[in-house]
Amino acid sequence: MPTFPKLNRSIACILCGSLLPIFLALLSSPQPSYSISQNIDTSPYRLEEVVIIGSSRISQELLRRELGLHSGVGLDDDLVMETRAKLLSLGIFKSALLLMRKGSKRGLAKLIIEVEDDQSVLTDWALGGTLGITQSERQFGSSSPDSPPLGYRFELIGRNFFKSLHRGAVLLNLDSLGTLRKAELAYGFPRFTHEGTQFDTKIEATNTGYH
């Protein structure tokens, strides 16, 4: 029994003598470097305020709601370019310039939107229209006095009804005597699109008794 403690102490000394150089070598070896830095804040700026300059066609509340520009949303170059493209797709602005400005606190930013109204559309409702002359294929070149007269096509489009980005259109096809051939009524809710004016619903009526 008295020999066991001495044996244990001898084994402990041997282990310490063998591991100590390895432990010291590990301490003196270069430590791995890490790319994460706690001193750099890589989070995007947060939106504090939206300011619109150059037009009264859209309110700030409507712009924030339709574009999703609520307070606290992250701001970066991609969001700014996407917002500009959406504004131009409305068809009521000739140009749109978006700038980020420093906010009241660190990490906050103001989004300045400077737009120029498109003068080819009228009033705050952004009204526009076309008027043209139509002629069917069977009418073209016909010298018969019974041939139906030339037709007229009238289209009225509004892209900002009630200054709320609601859209609507009326299309009328008439002959030269004022007889209605065809009528269309279309309506659309606010939507950003790069494909021109689009509508959510359309009603069409055709004069079946017209020959």
N, C-alpha and C. Protein backbone atom coordinates (compact mmCIF):
# COMPACT_ATOMS: atom_id res chain seq x y z
N MET A 1 0.82 -1.21 0.00
CA MET A 1 0.00 0.00 0.00
C MET A 1 0.85 1.25 0.00
N PRO A 2 1.95 1.40 0.77
CA PRO A 2 2.70 2.65 0.78
C PRO A 2 3.37 2.94 -0.54
N THR A 3 3.50 1.97 -1.44
CA THR A 3 4.22 2.22 -2.69
C THR A 3 3.36 2.88 -3.74
N PHE A 4 2.05 2.80 -3.61
CA PHE A 4 1.17 3.34 -4.68
C PHE A 4 1.24 4.84 -4.80
N PRO A 5 1.22 5.59 -3.68
CA PRO A 5 1.31 7.05 -3.82
C PRO A 5 2.60 7.47 -4.48
N LYS A 6 3.73 6.85 -4.15
CA LYS A 6 5.01 7.21 -4.78
C LYS A 6 4.95 6.94 -6.28
N LEU A 7 4.32 5.82 -6.66
CA LEU A 7 4.22 5.49 -8.07
C LEU A 7 3.38 6.52 -8.81
N ASN A 8 2.29 6.94 -8.19
CA ASN A 8 1.42 7.93 -8.83
C ASN A 8 2.14 9.25 -9.01
N ARG A 9 2.94 9.63 -7.98
CA ARG A 9 3.67 10.90 -8.11
C ARG A 9 4.72 10.81 -9.20
N SER A 10 5.31 9.66 -9.38
CA SER A 10 6.33 9.50 -10.41
C SER A 10 5.69 9.61 -11.80
N ILE A 11 4.50 8.98 -11.97
CA ILE A 11 3.82 9.05 -13.26
C ILE A 11 3.41 10.48 -13.56
N ALA A 12 2.94 11.20 -12.55
CA ALA A 12 2.53 12.59 -12.73
C ALA A 12 3.71 13.45 -13.15
N CYS A 13 4.87 13.22 -12.54
CA CYS A 13 6.05 14.01 -12.92
C CYS A 13 6.47 13.73 -14.35
N ILE A 14 6.38 12.44 -14.75
CA ILE A 14 6.77 12.09 -16.12
C ILE A 14 5.84 12.76 -17.13
N LEU A 15 4.53 12.71 -16.84
CA LEU A 15 3.55 13.31 -17.75
C LEU A 15 3.75 14.82 -17.85
N CYS A 16 3.99 15.46 -16.72
CA CYS A 16 4.20 16.91 -16.75
C CYS A 16 5.46 17.26 -17.52
N GLY A 17 6.51 16.46 -17.33
CA GLY A 17 7.75 16.73 -18.03
C GLY A 17 7.62 16.54 -19.53
N SER A 18 6.72 15.63 -19.95
CA SER A 18 6.56 15.38 -21.38
C SER A 18 5.63 16.39 -22.04
N LEU A 19 4.60 16.84 -21.33
CA LEU A 19 3.59 17.71 -21.90
C LEU A 19 3.97 19.19 -21.82
N LEU A 20 4.84 19.53 -20.87
CA LEU A 20 5.19 20.93 -20.69
C LEU A 20 5.82 21.55 -21.94
N PRO A 21 6.79 20.90 -22.61
CA PRO A 21 7.34 21.50 -23.84
C PRO A 21 6.30 21.68 -24.94
N ILE A 22 5.37 20.70 -25.03
CA ILE A 22 4.32 20.82 -26.05
C ILE A 22 3.41 22.00 -25.75
N PHE A 23 3.05 22.18 -24.48
CA PHE A 23 2.19 23.28 -24.08
C PHE A 23 2.85 24.62 -24.34
N LEU A 24 4.14 24.73 -24.03
CA LEU A 24 4.88 25.98 -24.28
C LEU A 24 5.00 26.27 -25.77
N ALA A 25 5.15 25.22 -26.58
CA ALA A 25 5.25 25.42 -28.03
C ALA A 25 3.93 25.93 -28.60
N LEU A 26 2.83 25.43 -28.06
CA LEU A 26 1.52 25.90 -28.53
C LEU A 26 1.30 27.37 -28.18
N LEU A 27 1.76 27.76 -27.01
CA LEU A 27 1.60 29.15 -26.60
C LEU A 27 2.41 30.10 -27.47
N SER A 28 3.59 29.64 -27.91
CA SER A 28 4.47 30.50 -28.70
C SER A 28 4.15 30.49 -30.19
N SER A 29 3.28 29.58 -30.65
CA SER A 29 2.95 29.49 -32.09
C SER A 29 2.00 30.62 -32.46
N PRO A 30 2.03 31.08 -33.73
CA PRO A 30 1.13 32.16 -34.18
C PRO A 30 -0.33 31.75 -34.05
N GLN A 31 -1.14 32.67 -33.54
CA GLN A 31 -2.56 32.40 -33.37
C GLN A 31 -3.31 32.68 -34.69
N PRO A 32 -4.33 31.89 -35.00
CA PRO A 32 -5.09 32.12 -36.25
C PRO A 32 -5.81 33.46 -36.21
N SER A 33 -5.88 34.09 -37.37
CA SER A 33 -6.57 35.38 -37.49
C SER A 33 -7.99 35.17 -37.99
N TYR A 34 -8.88 36.06 -37.60
CA TYR A 34 -10.28 35.96 -37.98
C TYR A 34 -10.67 37.23 -38.73
N SER A 35 -11.56 37.07 -39.75
CA SER A 35 -11.98 38.20 -40.57
C SER A 35 -13.12 39.00 -39.96
N ILE A 36 -13.74 38.50 -38.90
CA ILE A 36 -14.86 39.18 -38.27
C ILE A 36 -14.33 40.28 -37.38
N SER A 37 -14.84 41.47 -37.58
CA SER A 37 -14.43 42.61 -36.77
C SER A 37 -15.64 43.17 -36.05
N GLN A 38 -15.54 43.37 -34.78
CA GLN A 38 -16.64 43.89 -33.99
C GLN A 38 -16.72 45.41 -34.08
N ASN A 39 -15.74 46.05 -34.67
CA ASN A 39 -15.71 47.51 -34.73
C ASN A 39 -16.37 48.06 -36.00
N ILE A 40 -16.71 47.18 -36.97
CA ILE A 40 -17.28 47.61 -38.24
C ILE A 40 -18.74 47.19 -38.30
N ASP A 41 -19.63 48.15 -38.50
CA ASP A 41 -21.06 47.88 -38.62
C ASP A 41 -21.41 47.77 -40.09
N THR A 42 -21.71 46.56 -40.54
CA THR A 42 -22.01 46.33 -41.95
C THR A 42 -23.50 46.37 -42.25
N SER A 43 -24.33 46.68 -41.27
CA SER A 43 -25.77 46.74 -41.51
C SER A 43 -26.10 47.94 -42.38
N PRO A 44 -27.16 47.85 -43.23
CA PRO A 44 -27.53 48.98 -44.11
C PRO A 44 -28.12 50.13 -43.31
N TYR A 45 -28.22 51.28 -43.97
CA TYR A 45 -28.89 52.42 -43.35
C TYR A 45 -30.37 52.11 -43.21
N ARG A 46 -30.99 52.72 -42.22
CA ARG A 46 -32.41 52.57 -41.98
C ARG A 46 -33.14 53.85 -42.38
N LEU A 47 -34.29 53.66 -43.03
CA LEU A 47 -35.04 54.81 -43.51
C LEU A 47 -35.67 55.57 -42.35
N GLU A 48 -35.45 56.86 -42.33
CA GLU A 48 -36.05 57.72 -41.32
C GLU A 48 -37.20 58.55 -41.89
N GLU A 49 -37.05 59.03 -43.13
CA GLU A 49 -38.05 59.93 -43.70
C GLU A 49 -37.98 59.90 -45.22
N VAL A 50 -39.13 60.10 -45.87
CA VAL A 50 -39.20 60.23 -47.32
C VAL A 50 -39.66 61.64 -47.65
N VAL A 51 -38.91 62.33 -48.51
CA VAL A 51 -39.24 63.70 -48.91
C VAL A 51 -39.41 63.73 -50.42
N ILE A 52 -40.57 64.24 -50.87
CA ILE A 52 -40.87 64.32 -52.30
C ILE A 52 -40.75 65.77 -52.75
N ILE A 53 -40.04 65.96 -53.85
CA ILE A 53 -39.82 67.30 -54.40
C ILE A 53 -40.22 67.30 -55.87
N GLY A 54 -40.94 68.33 -56.29
CA GLY A 54 -41.20 68.51 -57.71
C GLY A 54 -42.58 68.14 -58.19
N SER A 55 -43.41 67.52 -57.35
CA SER A 55 -44.73 67.12 -57.79
C SER A 55 -45.66 66.99 -56.59
N SER A 56 -46.93 67.26 -56.85
CA SER A 56 -47.96 67.06 -55.83
C SER A 56 -48.92 65.94 -56.25
N ARG A 57 -48.54 65.16 -57.23
CA ARG A 57 -49.43 64.13 -57.76
C ARG A 57 -49.55 62.93 -56.83
N ILE A 58 -48.54 62.70 -56.02
CA ILE A 58 -48.56 61.57 -55.10
C ILE A 58 -48.17 62.06 -53.71
N SER A 59 -48.93 61.70 -52.71
CA SER A 59 -48.62 62.09 -51.34
C SER A 59 -47.52 61.20 -50.77
N GLN A 60 -46.88 61.70 -49.74
CA GLN A 60 -45.82 60.92 -49.10
C GLN A 60 -46.38 59.66 -48.47
N GLU A 61 -47.58 59.75 -47.88
CA GLU A 61 -48.18 58.57 -47.26
C GLU A 61 -48.44 57.48 -48.29
N LEU A 62 -48.97 57.89 -49.45
CA LEU A 62 -49.24 56.91 -50.51
C LEU A 62 -47.95 56.31 -51.05
N LEU A 63 -46.94 57.13 -51.22
CA LEU A 63 -45.66 56.64 -51.74
C LEU A 63 -45.06 55.62 -50.80
N ARG A 64 -45.05 55.93 -49.51
CA ARG A 64 -44.47 54.99 -48.54
C ARG A 64 -45.25 53.67 -48.52
N ARG A 65 -46.58 53.77 -48.60
CA ARG A 65 -47.39 52.56 -48.51
C ARG A 65 -47.22 51.68 -49.75
N GLU A 66 -47.29 52.27 -50.93
CA GLU A 66 -47.23 51.48 -52.16
C GLU A 66 -45.83 50.95 -52.44
N LEU A 67 -44.82 51.69 -52.06
CA LEU A 67 -43.45 51.26 -52.30
C LEU A 67 -42.86 50.48 -51.13
N GLY A 68 -43.59 50.42 -50.03
CA GLY A 68 -43.08 49.73 -48.85
C GLY A 68 -41.96 50.47 -48.15
N LEU A 69 -41.94 51.80 -48.28
CA LEU A 69 -40.88 52.61 -47.67
C LEU A 69 -41.32 53.09 -46.30
N HIS A 70 -41.44 52.14 -45.37
CA HIS A 70 -41.82 52.50 -44.01
C HIS A 70 -40.58 52.76 -43.18
N SER A 71 -40.76 53.46 -42.09
CA SER A 71 -39.64 53.81 -41.22
C SER A 71 -38.95 52.54 -40.71
N GLY A 72 -37.63 52.55 -40.79
CA GLY A 72 -36.85 51.43 -40.31
C GLY A 72 -36.44 50.44 -41.37
N VAL A 73 -36.98 50.56 -42.59
CA VAL A 73 -36.60 49.63 -43.65
C VAL A 73 -35.15 49.89 -44.07
N GLY A 74 -34.44 48.85 -44.43
CA GLY A 74 -33.04 48.99 -44.84
C GLY A 74 -32.91 49.67 -46.19
N LEU A 75 -31.98 50.59 -46.29
CA LEU A 75 -31.75 51.32 -47.54
C LEU A 75 -30.40 50.95 -48.12
N ASP A 76 -30.37 50.60 -49.40
CA ASP A 76 -29.12 50.35 -50.11
C ASP A 76 -29.32 50.76 -51.56
N ASP A 77 -28.27 50.62 -52.36
CA ASP A 77 -28.33 51.05 -53.76
C ASP A 77 -29.37 50.28 -54.56
N ASP A 78 -29.49 48.99 -54.29
CA ASP A 78 -30.46 48.18 -55.03
C ASP A 78 -31.88 48.66 -54.79
N LEU A 79 -32.21 48.97 -53.55
CA LEU A 79 -33.56 49.44 -53.24
C LEU A 79 -33.83 50.79 -53.88
N VAL A 80 -32.84 51.66 -53.89
CA VAL A 80 -33.00 52.98 -54.49
C VAL A 80 -33.25 52.86 -55.99
N MET A 81 -32.49 52.01 -56.69
CA MET A 81 -32.67 51.84 -58.12
C MET A 81 -34.01 51.18 -58.44
N GLU A 82 -34.42 50.23 -57.62
CA GLU A 82 -35.71 49.58 -57.83
C GLU A 82 -36.86 50.56 -57.63
N THR A 83 -36.74 51.42 -56.62
CA THR A 83 -37.78 52.43 -56.36
C THR A 83 -37.87 53.41 -57.52
N ARG A 84 -36.75 53.81 -58.07
CA ARG A 84 -36.75 54.73 -59.21
C ARG A 84 -37.44 54.10 -60.42
N ALA A 85 -37.13 52.83 -60.68
CA ALA A 85 -37.76 52.15 -61.82
C ALA A 85 -39.27 52.04 -61.64
N LYS A 86 -39.73 51.80 -60.42
CA LYS A 86 -41.16 51.70 -60.16
C LYS A 86 -41.83 53.05 -60.37
N LEU A 87 -41.20 54.13 -59.94
CA LEU A 87 -41.79 55.46 -60.12
C LEU A 87 -41.94 55.80 -61.60
N LEU A 88 -40.93 55.50 -62.39
CA LEU A 88 -41.00 55.80 -63.82
C LEU A 88 -42.03 54.91 -64.52
N SER A 89 -42.28 53.73 -64.01
CA SER A 89 -43.24 52.83 -64.64
C SER A 89 -44.68 53.29 -64.45
N LEU A 90 -44.91 54.27 -63.57
CA LEU A 90 -46.27 54.76 -63.34
C LEU A 90 -46.81 55.52 -64.55
N GLY A 91 -45.92 56.08 -65.37
CA GLY A 91 -46.35 56.81 -66.54
C GLY A 91 -46.81 58.21 -66.27
N ILE A 92 -46.49 58.77 -65.09
CA ILE A 92 -46.91 60.13 -64.76
C ILE A 92 -45.71 61.06 -64.52
N PHE A 93 -44.52 60.50 -64.50
CA PHE A 93 -43.33 61.31 -64.29
C PHE A 93 -42.39 61.19 -65.48
N LYS A 94 -41.78 62.32 -65.83
CA LYS A 94 -40.81 62.33 -66.91
C LYS A 94 -39.45 61.86 -66.42
N SER A 95 -39.11 62.17 -65.19
CA SER A 95 -37.83 61.76 -64.62
C SER A 95 -37.98 61.60 -63.11
N ALA A 96 -37.07 60.84 -62.53
CA ALA A 96 -37.07 60.61 -61.09
C ALA A 96 -35.63 60.49 -60.61
N LEU A 97 -35.26 61.31 -59.63
CA LEU A 97 -33.92 61.30 -59.05
C LEU A 97 -34.04 61.01 -57.57
N LEU A 98 -33.36 59.98 -57.10
CA LEU A 98 -33.43 59.58 -55.71
C LEU A 98 -32.06 59.74 -55.06
N LEU A 99 -32.04 60.37 -53.91
CA LEU A 99 -30.80 60.62 -53.18
C LEU A 99 -30.97 60.20 -51.73
N MET A 100 -29.89 59.70 -51.16
CA MET A 100 -29.88 59.36 -49.73
C MET A 100 -29.12 60.43 -48.97
N ARG A 101 -29.72 60.94 -47.90
CA ARG A 101 -29.11 61.96 -47.06
C ARG A 101 -28.99 61.44 -45.63
N LYS A 102 -28.04 62.02 -44.91
CA LYS A 102 -27.80 61.62 -43.53
C LYS A 102 -29.02 61.92 -42.68
N GLY A 103 -29.38 60.99 -41.81
CA GLY A 103 -30.52 61.17 -40.93
C GLY A 103 -30.14 61.91 -39.66
N SER A 104 -31.09 61.98 -38.73
CA SER A 104 -30.86 62.70 -37.48
C SER A 104 -29.96 61.95 -36.52
N LYS A 105 -29.82 60.64 -36.73
CA LYS A 105 -28.98 59.82 -35.87
C LYS A 105 -28.10 58.93 -36.73
N ARG A 106 -27.09 58.41 -36.10
CA ARG A 106 -26.19 57.50 -36.81
C ARG A 106 -26.95 56.24 -37.23
N GLY A 107 -26.78 55.84 -38.49
CA GLY A 107 -27.45 54.66 -39.01
C GLY A 107 -28.78 54.95 -39.66
N LEU A 108 -29.28 56.19 -39.55
CA LEU A 108 -30.53 56.58 -40.17
C LEU A 108 -30.25 57.40 -41.42
N ALA A 109 -31.16 57.33 -42.40
CA ALA A 109 -30.98 58.07 -43.65
C ALA A 109 -32.34 58.57 -44.13
N LYS A 110 -32.31 59.70 -44.81
CA LYS A 110 -33.49 60.25 -45.45
C LYS A 110 -33.42 59.96 -46.94
N LEU A 111 -34.56 59.61 -47.52
CA LEU A 111 -34.64 59.36 -48.96
C LEU A 111 -35.31 60.56 -49.61
N ILE A 112 -34.54 61.28 -50.43
CA ILE A 112 -35.03 62.44 -51.14
C ILE A 112 -35.43 62.00 -52.55
N ILE A 113 -36.70 62.21 -52.91
CA ILE A 113 -37.21 61.82 -54.23
C ILE A 113 -37.57 63.09 -54.98
N GLU A 114 -36.82 63.37 -56.03
CA GLU A 114 -37.08 64.56 -56.86
C GLU A 114 -37.61 64.09 -58.21
N VAL A 115 -38.85 64.43 -58.51
CA VAL A 115 -39.49 63.98 -59.73
C VAL A 115 -39.88 65.18 -60.58
N GLU A 116 -40.04 64.92 -61.87
CA GLU A 116 -40.51 65.92 -62.82
C GLU A 116 -41.75 65.37 -63.51
N ASP A 117 -42.85 66.12 -63.42
CA ASP A 117 -44.11 65.67 -64.00
C ASP A 117 -44.00 65.55 -65.52
N ASP A 118 -44.64 64.52 -66.05
CA ASP A 118 -44.72 64.35 -67.48
C ASP A 118 -45.83 65.25 -68.01
N GLN A 119 -45.46 66.25 -68.79
CA GLN A 119 -46.44 67.22 -69.28
C GLN A 119 -47.34 66.66 -70.37
N SER A 120 -47.04 65.47 -70.87
CA SER A 120 -47.90 64.88 -71.89
C SER A 120 -49.18 64.30 -71.29
N VAL A 121 -49.23 64.16 -69.96
CA VAL A 121 -50.45 63.75 -69.28
C VAL A 121 -50.98 64.96 -68.52
N LEU A 122 -52.32 65.09 -68.46
CA LEU A 122 -52.95 66.30 -67.96
C LEU A 122 -53.51 66.10 -66.56
N THR A 123 -53.46 67.16 -65.78
CA THR A 123 -54.00 67.25 -64.43
C THR A 123 -53.33 66.25 -63.49
N ASP A 124 -53.69 66.34 -62.21
CA ASP A 124 -53.13 65.41 -61.22
C ASP A 124 -53.62 63.98 -61.43
N TRP A 125 -54.69 63.82 -62.20
CA TRP A 125 -55.19 62.47 -62.48
C TRP A 125 -54.43 61.82 -63.62
N ALA A 126 -53.49 62.54 -64.21
CA ALA A 126 -52.65 62.01 -65.30
C ALA A 126 -53.49 61.48 -66.44
N LEU A 127 -54.29 62.36 -67.01
CA LEU A 127 -55.18 61.98 -68.10
C LEU A 127 -54.45 62.10 -69.43
N GLY A 128 -54.73 61.18 -70.30
CA GLY A 128 -54.19 61.20 -71.66
C GLY A 128 -55.12 60.45 -72.59
N GLY A 129 -54.96 60.65 -73.87
CA GLY A 129 -55.85 59.96 -74.79
C GLY A 129 -55.33 59.95 -76.20
N THR A 130 -56.02 59.19 -77.04
CA THR A 130 -55.68 59.10 -78.46
C THR A 130 -56.96 59.17 -79.27
N LEU A 131 -56.83 59.66 -80.49
CA LEU A 131 -57.94 59.74 -81.43
C LEU A 131 -57.41 59.32 -82.80
N GLY A 132 -58.04 58.33 -83.38
CA GLY A 132 -57.55 57.83 -84.66
C GLY A 132 -58.69 57.44 -85.60
N ILE A 133 -58.33 57.22 -86.86
CA ILE A 133 -59.28 56.80 -87.88
C ILE A 133 -59.00 55.34 -88.22
N THR A 134 -60.04 54.55 -88.25
CA THR A 134 -59.91 53.11 -88.54
C THR A 134 -60.70 52.76 -89.80
N GLN A 135 -60.30 51.68 -90.41
CA GLN A 135 -60.99 51.16 -91.59
C GLN A 135 -60.74 49.67 -91.66
N SER A 136 -61.81 48.90 -91.74
CA SER A 136 -61.67 47.45 -91.78
C SER A 136 -61.10 47.01 -93.11
N GLU A 137 -60.63 45.78 -93.17
CA GLU A 137 -60.01 45.26 -94.39
C GLU A 137 -61.01 45.18 -95.54
N ARG A 138 -62.23 44.83 -95.22
CA ARG A 138 -63.23 44.71 -96.29
C ARG A 138 -63.68 46.06 -96.80
N GLN A 139 -63.47 47.14 -96.01
CA GLN A 139 -63.83 48.47 -96.45
C GLN A 139 -62.77 49.06 -97.37
N PHE A 140 -61.52 48.66 -97.14
CA PHE A 140 -60.42 49.28 -97.86
C PHE A 140 -60.53 49.02 -99.36
N GLY A 141 -60.50 50.09 -100.14
CA GLY A 141 -60.55 49.97 -101.59
C GLY A 141 -61.93 49.76 -102.16
N SER A 142 -62.96 49.74 -101.28
CA SER A 142 -64.31 49.53 -101.78
C SER A 142 -64.89 50.82 -102.32
N SER A 143 -65.53 50.75 -103.50
CA SER A 143 -66.16 51.93 -104.09
C SER A 143 -67.67 51.86 -103.99
N SER A 144 -68.22 50.86 -103.34
CA SER A 144 -69.65 50.70 -103.21
C SER A 144 -70.22 51.76 -102.30
N PRO A 145 -71.34 52.40 -102.68
CA PRO A 145 -71.95 53.40 -101.82
C PRO A 145 -72.53 52.80 -100.55
N ASP A 146 -72.78 51.47 -100.56
CA ASP A 146 -73.31 50.81 -99.37
C ASP A 146 -72.21 50.39 -98.39
N SER A 147 -70.99 50.64 -98.76
CA SER A 147 -69.88 50.24 -97.89
C SER A 147 -69.93 51.05 -96.60
N PRO A 148 -69.74 50.40 -95.45
CA PRO A 148 -69.77 51.13 -94.17
C PRO A 148 -68.74 52.25 -94.18
N PRO A 149 -69.05 53.35 -93.53
CA PRO A 149 -68.13 54.48 -93.51
C PRO A 149 -66.88 54.20 -92.69
N LEU A 150 -65.95 55.12 -92.77
CA LEU A 150 -64.75 55.02 -91.95
C LEU A 150 -65.11 55.07 -90.47
N GLY A 151 -64.22 54.52 -89.65
CA GLY A 151 -64.48 54.51 -88.22
C GLY A 151 -63.52 55.42 -87.47
N TYR A 152 -63.93 55.73 -86.27
CA TYR A 152 -63.10 56.57 -85.39
C TYR A 152 -62.86 55.82 -84.08
N ARG A 153 -61.66 55.92 -83.61
CA ARG A 153 -61.27 55.26 -82.36
C ARG A 153 -60.84 56.31 -81.35
N PHE A 154 -61.53 56.35 -80.23
CA PHE A 154 -61.22 57.33 -79.18
C PHE A 154 -60.90 56.59 -77.89
N GLU A 155 -59.76 56.94 -77.29
CA GLU A 155 -59.33 56.28 -76.05
C GLU A 155 -58.91 57.33 -75.04
N LEU A 156 -59.43 57.22 -73.82
CA LEU A 156 -59.08 58.11 -72.71
C LEU A 156 -58.53 57.26 -71.57
N ILE A 157 -57.34 57.61 -71.08
CA ILE A 157 -56.67 56.85 -70.02
C ILE A 157 -56.33 57.79 -68.87
N GLY A 158 -56.59 57.34 -67.67
CA GLY A 158 -56.17 58.04 -66.46
C GLY A 158 -55.31 57.12 -65.62
N ARG A 159 -54.15 57.60 -65.22
CA ARG A 159 -53.21 56.74 -64.47
C ARG A 159 -53.10 57.10 -63.00
N ASN A 160 -53.88 58.07 -62.56
CA ASN A 160 -53.77 58.49 -61.15
C ASN A 160 -55.10 59.05 -60.67
N PHE A 161 -56.17 58.28 -60.85
CA PHE A 161 -57.49 58.74 -60.43
C PHE A 161 -57.51 59.02 -58.93
N PHE A 162 -58.12 60.14 -58.56
CA PHE A 162 -58.25 60.56 -57.16
C PHE A 162 -56.88 60.71 -56.49
N LYS A 163 -55.84 60.87 -57.30
CA LYS A 163 -54.46 60.99 -56.81
C LYS A 163 -54.08 59.80 -55.93
N SER A 164 -54.57 58.62 -56.32
CA SER A 164 -54.34 57.42 -55.53
C SER A 164 -53.75 56.28 -56.36
N LEU A 165 -53.24 56.60 -57.57
CA LEU A 165 -52.62 55.62 -58.46
C LEU A 165 -53.58 54.59 -59.03
N HIS A 166 -54.87 54.79 -58.84
CA HIS A 166 -55.84 53.93 -59.50
C HIS A 166 -55.91 54.33 -60.97
N ARG A 167 -56.12 53.34 -61.84
CA ARG A 167 -56.05 53.58 -63.28
C ARG A 167 -57.36 53.17 -63.95
N GLY A 168 -57.66 53.84 -65.02
CA GLY A 168 -58.87 53.51 -65.76
C GLY A 168 -58.74 53.93 -67.20
N ALA A 169 -59.58 53.34 -68.05
CA ALA A 169 -59.54 53.65 -69.48
C ALA A 169 -60.92 53.46 -70.08
N VAL A 170 -61.25 54.30 -71.04
CA VAL A 170 -62.48 54.20 -71.82
C VAL A 170 -62.10 54.17 -73.29
N LEU A 171 -62.60 53.18 -74.01
CA LEU A 171 -62.32 53.04 -75.43
C LEU A 171 -63.63 52.99 -76.19
N LEU A 172 -63.77 53.85 -77.21
CA LEU A 172 -64.97 53.89 -78.04
C LEU A 172 -64.58 53.77 -79.50
N ASN A 173 -65.28 52.90 -80.21
CA ASN A 173 -65.15 52.78 -81.66
C ASN A 173 -66.47 53.22 -82.29
N LEU A 174 -66.43 54.26 -83.09
CA LEU A 174 -67.63 54.81 -83.73
C LEU A 174 -67.44 54.86 -85.24
N ASP A 175 -68.55 54.82 -85.95
CA ASP A 175 -68.45 55.08 -87.38
C ASP A 175 -68.61 56.58 -87.61
N SER A 176 -68.50 57.00 -88.87
CA SER A 176 -68.52 58.42 -89.16
C SER A 176 -69.89 59.06 -88.95
N LEU A 177 -70.92 58.23 -88.78
CA LEU A 177 -72.26 58.74 -88.51
C LEU A 177 -72.57 58.79 -87.02
N GLY A 178 -71.61 58.37 -86.20
CA GLY A 178 -71.81 58.40 -84.76
C GLY A 178 -72.38 57.13 -84.17
N THR A 179 -72.51 56.09 -84.98
CA THR A 179 -73.03 54.82 -84.48
C THR A 179 -71.93 54.08 -83.72
N LEU A 180 -72.28 53.62 -82.53
CA LEU A 180 -71.31 52.93 -81.69
C LEU A 180 -71.07 51.51 -82.20
N ARG A 181 -69.84 51.21 -82.48
CA ARG A 181 -69.46 49.85 -82.87
C ARG A 181 -69.03 49.00 -81.68
N LYS A 182 -68.19 49.59 -80.84
CA LYS A 182 -67.63 48.84 -79.73
C LYS A 182 -67.24 49.80 -78.62
N ALA A 183 -67.40 49.34 -77.38
CA ALA A 183 -67.01 50.15 -76.22
C ALA A 183 -66.31 49.26 -75.20
N GLU A 184 -65.29 49.80 -74.55
CA GLU A 184 -64.55 49.08 -73.51
C GLU A 184 -64.35 50.00 -72.32
N LEU A 185 -64.48 49.42 -71.15
CA LEU A 185 -64.23 50.14 -69.90
C LEU A 185 -63.30 49.28 -69.06
N ALA A 186 -62.16 49.83 -68.66
CA ALA A 186 -61.16 49.08 -67.89
C ALA A 186 -60.79 49.83 -66.62
N TYR A 187 -60.45 49.06 -65.61
CA TYR A 187 -60.07 49.66 -64.33
C TYR A 187 -58.95 48.85 -63.70
N GLY A 188 -58.03 49.55 -63.03
CA GLY A 188 -56.90 48.87 -62.41
C GLY A 188 -56.54 49.48 -61.08
N PHE A 189 -56.15 48.64 -60.15
CA PHE A 189 -55.68 49.09 -58.85
C PHE A 189 -54.20 49.46 -58.94
N PRO A 190 -53.68 50.16 -57.94
CA PRO A 190 -52.26 50.57 -57.99
C PRO A 190 -51.34 49.38 -58.23
N ARG A 191 -50.47 49.53 -59.20
CA ARG A 191 -49.52 48.46 -59.54
C ARG A 191 -48.35 49.09 -60.27
N PHE A 192 -47.16 48.62 -59.93
CA PHE A 192 -45.96 49.09 -60.62
C PHE A 192 -45.61 48.06 -61.68
N THR A 193 -45.45 48.52 -62.91
CA THR A 193 -45.17 47.60 -64.01
C THR A 193 -44.27 48.28 -65.01
N HIS A 194 -43.46 47.49 -65.70
CA HIS A 194 -42.58 47.99 -66.75
C HIS A 194 -43.17 47.70 -68.13
N GLU A 195 -44.41 47.26 -68.18
CA GLU A 195 -45.03 46.87 -69.44
C GLU A 195 -46.15 47.83 -69.84
N GLY A 196 -46.13 49.05 -69.35
CA GLY A 196 -47.19 50.00 -69.68
C GLY A 196 -48.38 49.83 -68.75
N THR A 197 -49.45 50.51 -69.09
CA THR A 197 -50.64 50.48 -68.26
C THR A 197 -51.32 49.12 -68.33
N GLN A 198 -51.58 48.54 -67.19
CA GLN A 198 -52.29 47.27 -67.12
C GLN A 198 -53.50 47.45 -66.22
N PHE A 199 -54.54 46.66 -66.49
CA PHE A 199 -55.80 46.80 -65.77
C PHE A 199 -56.19 45.47 -65.16
N ASP A 200 -56.92 45.55 -64.07
CA ASP A 200 -57.34 44.34 -63.37
C ASP A 200 -58.68 43.81 -63.87
N THR A 201 -59.52 44.67 -64.41
CA THR A 201 -60.81 44.22 -64.92
C THR A 201 -61.18 45.04 -66.15
N LYS A 202 -61.94 44.43 -67.04
CA LYS A 202 -62.34 45.10 -68.27
C LYS A 202 -63.73 44.64 -68.68
N ILE A 203 -64.57 45.60 -69.06
CA ILE A 203 -65.92 45.33 -69.56
C ILE A 203 -65.97 45.74 -71.02
N GLU A 204 -66.48 44.88 -71.87
CA GLU A 204 -66.51 45.14 -73.30
C GLU A 204 -67.92 44.95 -73.83
N ALA A 205 -68.35 45.89 -74.66
CA ALA A 205 -69.69 45.80 -75.28
C ALA A 205 -69.54 46.03 -76.77
N THR A 206 -70.17 45.17 -77.57
CA THR A 206 -70.10 45.25 -79.02
C THR A 206 -71.51 45.39 -79.59
N ASN A 207 -71.65 46.25 -80.56
CA ASN A 207 -72.94 46.44 -81.24
C ASN A 207 -73.13 45.32 -82.26
N THR A 208 -73.89 44.31 -81.85
CA THR A 208 -74.08 43.15 -82.73
C THR A 208 -74.98 43.47 -83.91
N GLY A 209 -75.76 44.55 -83.84
CA GLY A 209 -76.63 44.88 -84.94
C GLY A 209 -75.97 45.75 -85.98
N TYR A 210 -74.67 46.05 -85.73
CA TYR A 210 -73.98 46.90 -86.70
C TYR A 210 -73.42 46.04 -87.81
N HIS A 211 -73.69 46.37 -89.07
CA HIS A 211 -73.03 45.69 -90.18
C HIS A 211 -72.23 46.72 -90.96
